[in-house]
């Protein structure tokens, strides 16, 4: 069973003003909640976009760091090759070294010298 309302509302100017005041307060509260919700949505979007940007930058930084390490290794290899080539240039400026290369690779001999070529691989006999 439902209880019947036993209190009646008085229709007076004060009560009309009071009801209008209560209605304004409800609308004010509603607008406040809407503004807060909108603000939270904007803050969440901003924070989310900043987080996405941050993680993209971290991934890009890691990729660039890996590329930097690879290029450092490549640079070290190239510096070693450069050093080796400079040493070779120094040796090629020496006439004795050139004669030694000619004797070993191209079988050039000194006067009165005989050259015998031996097989580099071991034979089966």
Protein backbone atom coordinates (compact mmCIF):
# COMPACT_ATOMS: atom_id res chain seq x y z
CA UNK A 1 0.00 0.00 0.00
CA UNK A 2 1.11 3.46 -0.75
CA UNK A 3 0.88 6.18 1.73
CA UNK A 4 -1.13 9.13 0.79
CA UNK A 5 0.40 12.54 0.92
CA UNK A 6 -0.95 14.22 3.92
CA UNK A 7 0.96 17.45 3.51
CA UNK A 8 -0.36 19.89 0.97
CA UNK A 9 1.67 22.48 -0.74
CA UNK A 10 0.62 26.03 -0.21
CA UNK A 11 0.26 28.15 -3.27
CA UNK A 12 1.85 31.38 -2.22
CA UNK A 13 4.29 33.82 -3.72
CA UNK A 14 7.02 32.72 -1.29
CA UNK A 15 6.60 29.08 -2.26
CA UNK A 16 6.69 29.97 -5.95
CA UNK A 17 9.93 31.92 -5.38
CA UNK A 18 11.34 29.08 -3.31
CA UNK A 19 10.47 26.52 -6.02
CA UNK A 20 12.10 28.77 -8.66
CA UNK A 21 15.20 29.07 -6.45
CA UNK A 22 15.43 25.29 -6.03
CA UNK A 23 14.98 24.82 -9.81
CA UNK A 24 17.80 27.36 -10.49
CA UNK A 25 20.05 25.53 -8.04
CA UNK A 26 19.36 22.21 -9.79
CA UNK A 27 20.14 23.71 -13.20
CA UNK A 28 23.28 25.35 -11.77
CA UNK A 29 24.42 22.01 -10.40
CA UNK A 30 23.63 20.31 -13.71
CA UNK A 31 25.66 22.90 -15.64
CA UNK A 32 28.53 22.49 -13.17
CA UNK A 33 28.53 18.73 -13.68
CA UNK A 34 28.41 19.18 -17.46
CA UNK A 35 31.31 21.66 -17.39
CA UNK A 36 33.33 19.35 -15.16
CA UNK A 37 32.62 16.39 -17.43
CA UNK A 38 33.63 18.42 -20.49
CA UNK A 39 36.79 19.57 -18.72
CA UNK A 40 37.63 15.98 -17.77
CA UNK A 41 37.11 14.84 -21.36
CA UNK A 42 39.40 17.61 -22.65
CA UNK A 43 42.04 16.78 -20.02
CA UNK A 44 41.79 13.06 -20.82
CA UNK A 45 42.20 13.73 -24.55
CA UNK A 46 45.18 16.01 -23.91
CA UNK A 47 46.81 13.52 -21.52
CA UNK A 48 46.16 10.65 -23.94
CA UNK A 49 47.63 12.50 -26.88
CA UNK A 50 50.67 13.51 -24.82
CA UNK A 51 51.14 9.89 -23.71
CA UNK A 52 50.91 8.64 -27.29
CA UNK A 53 53.37 11.30 -28.43
CA UNK A 54 55.74 10.40 -25.57
CA UNK A 55 55.74 6.71 -26.46
CA UNK A 56 56.25 7.48 -30.14
CA UNK A 57 59.22 9.66 -29.25
CA UNK A 58 60.67 6.94 -27.01
CA UNK A 59 60.39 4.42 -29.82
CA UNK A 60 61.98 6.87 -32.26
CA UNK A 61 64.77 7.59 -29.77
CA UNK A 62 65.47 3.88 -29.30
CA UNK A 63 65.55 3.41 -33.07
CA UNK A 64 67.92 6.33 -33.54
CA UNK A 65 70.13 5.10 -30.69
CA UNK A 66 70.37 1.67 -32.34
CA UNK A 67 71.18 3.31 -35.67
CA UNK A 68 73.82 5.46 -33.94
CA UNK A 69 75.48 2.39 -32.41
CA UNK A 70 75.46 0.63 -35.78
CA UNK A 71 77.00 3.67 -37.47
CA UNK A 72 79.64 3.90 -34.71
CA UNK A 73 80.62 0.28 -35.36
CA UNK A 74 80.72 0.95 -39.09
CA UNK A 75 82.88 4.01 -38.47
CA UNK A 76 85.29 1.95 -36.35
CA UNK A 77 85.53 -0.65 -39.13
CA UNK A 78 86.15 2.03 -41.73
CA UNK A 79 88.84 3.62 -39.55
CA UNK A 80 90.56 0.22 -39.26
CA UNK A 81 90.40 -0.20 -43.03
CA UNK A 82 91.76 3.30 -43.51
CA UNK A 83 94.67 2.56 -41.19
CA UNK A 84 95.35 -0.71 -43.03
CA UNK A 85 95.26 1.05 -46.41
CA UNK A 86 97.60 3.80 -45.18
CA UNK A 87 100.06 1.14 -44.01
CA UNK A 88 99.74 -0.57 -47.38
CA UNK A 89 100.41 2.73 -49.15
CA UNK A 90 103.53 3.18 -47.04
CA UNK A 91 104.66 -0.34 -47.93
CA UNK A 92 103.92 0.17 -51.64
CA UNK A 93 106.18 3.21 -51.60
CA UNK A 94 109.03 0.87 -50.60
CA UNK A 95 110.74 -0.68 -53.62
CA UNK A 96 111.84 -3.82 -51.76
CA UNK A 97 108.26 -4.63 -50.81
CA UNK A 98 107.09 -4.27 -54.42
CA UNK A 99 109.85 -6.59 -55.58
CA UNK A 100 108.85 -9.13 -52.93
CA UNK A 101 105.23 -9.03 -54.11
CA UNK A 102 106.32 -9.45 -57.72
CA UNK A 103 108.43 -12.45 -56.76
CA UNK A 104 105.70 -14.21 -54.76
CA UNK A 105 102.59 -13.46 -56.82
CA UNK A 106 103.90 -13.16 -60.35
CA UNK A 107 106.89 -15.56 -60.14
CA UNK A 108 109.44 -12.98 -61.18
CA UNK A 109 112.94 -14.07 -60.30
CA UNK A 110 116.32 -12.56 -59.79
CA UNK A 111 119.07 -13.31 -62.25
CA UNK A 112 120.15 -16.95 -62.00
CA UNK A 113 117.24 -17.96 -59.73
CA UNK A 114 114.90 -20.91 -60.43
CA UNK A 115 111.29 -20.89 -59.21
CA UNK A 116 109.41 -24.06 -58.39
CA UNK A 117 105.67 -23.92 -57.91
CA UNK A 118 104.38 -26.30 -55.27
CA UNK A 119 100.72 -27.20 -54.98
CA UNK A 120 99.03 -25.42 -52.10
CA UNK A 121 96.56 -28.23 -51.45
CA UNK A 122 97.77 -31.52 -50.02
CA UNK A 123 97.73 -34.24 -52.66
CA UNK A 124 96.27 -37.66 -51.94
CA UNK A 125 99.51 -39.61 -52.74
